[in-house]
C-alpha atoms as a PDB file:
ATOM      1  CA  UNK A   1     -37.144  14.837  55.913  1.00  0.00           C
ATOM      2  CA  UNK A   2     -32.773  15.281  56.204  1.00  0.00           C
ATOM      3  CA  UNK A   3     -31.077  14.408  53.177  1.00  0.00           C
ATOM      4  CA  UNK A   4     -27.991  11.772  54.321  1.00  0.00           C
ATOM      5  CA  UNK A   5     -25.252  13.685  53.010  1.00  0.00           C
ATOM      6  CA  UNK A   6     -21.898  12.316  53.784  1.00  0.00           C
ATOM      7  CA  UNK A   7     -19.202  14.316  54.910  1.00  0.00           C
ATOM      8  CA  UNK A   8     -16.071  14.166  52.873  1.00  0.00           C
ATOM      9  CA  UNK A   9     -13.147  11.913  53.886  1.00  0.00           C
ATOM     10  CA  UNK A  10     -10.656  13.687  56.118  1.00  0.00           C
ATOM     11  CA  UNK A  11      -7.112  13.040  55.339  1.00  0.00           C
ATOM     12  CA  UNK A  12      -5.735  11.438  58.271  1.00  0.00           C
ATOM     13  CA  UNK A  13      -1.902  12.262  59.346  1.00  0.00           C
ATOM     14  CA  UNK A  14       0.961  10.153  58.167  1.00  0.00           C
ATOM     15  CA  UNK A  15       2.048   8.316  61.495  1.00  0.00           C
ATOM     16  CA  UNK A  16       5.077  10.040  63.222  1.00  0.00           C
ATOM     17  CA  UNK A  17       8.185   8.535  62.525  1.00  0.00           C
ATOM     18  CA  UNK A  18       9.182   6.106  65.142  1.00  0.00           C
ATOM     19  CA  UNK A  19      12.453   7.884  65.493  1.00  0.00           C
ATOM     20  CA  UNK A  20      10.791  10.857  66.638  1.00  0.00           C
ATOM     21  CA  UNK A  21       8.425   9.556  69.058  1.00  0.00           C
ATOM     22  CA  UNK A  22      11.727   7.430  70.764  1.00  0.00           C
ATOM     23  CA  UNK A  23      13.760  10.799  70.537  1.00  0.00           C
ATOM     24  CA  UNK A  24      10.671  12.332  72.652  1.00  0.00           C
ATOM     25  CA  UNK A  25      10.219   9.964  75.180  1.00  0.00           C
ATOM     26  CA  UNK A  26      13.943  10.057  75.839  1.00  0.00           C
ATOM     27  CA  UNK A  27      13.720  13.785  76.330  1.00  0.00           C
ATOM     28  CA  UNK A  28      10.670  13.379  78.564  1.00  0.00           C
ATOM     29  CA  UNK A  29      12.082  10.522  80.890  1.00  0.00           C
ATOM     30  CA  UNK A  30      15.273  12.420  80.812  1.00  0.00           C
ATOM     31  CA  UNK A  31      13.501  15.857  81.995  1.00  0.00           C
ATOM     32  CA  UNK A  32      11.520  13.766  84.876  1.00  0.00           C
ATOM     33  CA  UNK A  33      14.590  12.410  85.956  1.00  0.00           C
ATOM     34  CA  UNK A  34      16.345  15.746  86.627  1.00  0.00           C
ATOM     35  CA  UNK A  35      13.327  17.206  87.841  1.00  0.00           C
ATOM     36  CA  UNK A  36      13.283  14.299  90.804  1.00  0.00           C
ATOM     37  CA  UNK A  37      17.128  15.352  91.229  1.00  0.00           C
ATOM     38  CA  UNK A  38      16.244  19.002  91.743  1.00  0.00           C
ATOM     39  CA  UNK A  39      13.833  18.108  94.699  1.00  0.00           C
ATOM     40  CA  UNK A  40      17.225  17.580  96.568  1.00  0.00           C
ATOM     41  CA  UNK A  41      16.714  13.305  96.686  1.00  0.00           C
ATOM     42  CA  UNK A  42      20.092  11.523  97.095  1.00  0.00           C
ATOM     43  CA  UNK A  43      21.132   9.607  93.853  1.00  0.00           C
ATOM     44  CA  UNK A  44      20.543   6.357  95.266  1.00  0.00           C
ATOM     45  CA  UNK A  45      16.659   6.758  96.160  1.00  0.00           C
ATOM     46  CA  UNK A  46      16.313   8.164  92.595  1.00  0.00           C
ATOM     47  CA  UNK A  47      18.413   5.079  91.207  1.00  0.00           C
ATOM     48  CA  UNK A  48      16.332   2.586  93.251  1.00  0.00           C
ATOM     49  CA  UNK A  49      13.300   4.640  92.228  1.00  0.00           C
ATOM     50  CA  UNK A  50      14.260   3.997  88.618  1.00  0.00           C
ATOM     51  CA  UNK A  51      15.229   0.206  88.955  1.00  0.00           C
ATOM     52  CA  UNK A  52      11.491  -0.008  90.140  1.00  0.00           C
ATOM     53  CA  UNK A  53      10.581   1.665  87.355  1.00  0.00           C
ATOM     54  CA  UNK A  54      12.687  -0.216  84.990  1.00  0.00           C
ATOM     55  CA  UNK A  55      11.572  -3.598  86.434  1.00  0.00           C
ATOM     56  CA  UNK A  56       7.752  -2.685  85.417  1.00  0.00           C
ATOM     57  CA  UNK A  57       8.855  -1.488  81.873  1.00  0.00           C
ATOM     58  CA  UNK A  58      11.095  -5.102  81.372  1.00  0.00           C
ATOM     59  CA  UNK A  59       7.801  -6.757  82.681  1.00  0.00           C
ATOM     60  CA  UNK A  60       5.346  -5.020  80.402  1.00  0.00           C
ATOM     61  CA  UNK A  61       8.133  -5.574  77.385  1.00  0.00           C
ATOM     62  CA  UNK A  62       7.801  -9.523  78.169  1.00  0.00           C
ATOM     63  CA  UNK A  63       3.977  -9.432  78.104  1.00  0.00           C
ATOM     64  CA  UNK A  64       4.397  -7.342  74.562  1.00  0.00           C
ATOM     65  CA  UNK A  65       6.987 -10.104  73.236  1.00  0.00           C
ATOM     66  CA  UNK A  66       4.952 -13.134  74.702  1.00  0.00           C
ATOM     67  CA  UNK A  67       1.392 -11.553  73.227  1.00  0.00           C
ATOM     68  CA  UNK A  68       3.188 -11.085  69.856  1.00  0.00           C
ATOM     69  CA  UNK A  69       4.780 -14.741  69.808  1.00  0.00           C
ATOM     70  CA  UNK A  70       0.866 -16.009  70.317  1.00  0.00           C
ATOM     71  CA  UNK A  71      -0.040 -13.850  67.693  1.00  0.00           C
ATOM     72  CA  UNK A  72       2.137 -14.909  65.595  1.00  0.00           C
ATOM     73  CA  UNK A  73       1.709 -18.711  66.198  1.00  0.00           C
ATOM     74  CA  UNK A  74      -2.276 -17.862  65.765  1.00  0.00           C
ATOM     75  CA  UNK A  75      -1.734 -16.235  62.277  1.00  0.00           C
ATOM     76  CA  UNK A  76       0.264 -19.203  61.009  1.00  0.00           C
ATOM     77  CA  UNK A  77      -2.317 -21.631  62.102  1.00  0.00           C
ATOM     78  CA  UNK A  78      -5.039 -19.794  59.968  1.00  0.00           C
ATOM     79  CA  UNK A  79      -2.652 -19.873  57.682  1.00  0.00           C
ATOM     80  CA  UNK A  80      -1.971 -23.393  57.415  1.00  0.00           C
ATOM     81  CA  UNK A  81      -5.821 -24.261  57.322  1.00  0.00           C
END
């Protein structure tokens, strides 16, 4: 019969600072745009692609905001009960 020996708790790394995540995301986006331009696509086509992507991101942001507001309302209701 095996003894039930638990492993020592592993230390979790601290979350990465948001400013570093933002900087990495900005660099990745810029690199992707530059790569698209290197393909020889005209800027007006790349601009149209970016507008479409931005619209999708803005839609996601609206959904996140609505979900956060809904969660806040639920939390307030639970506290009031």
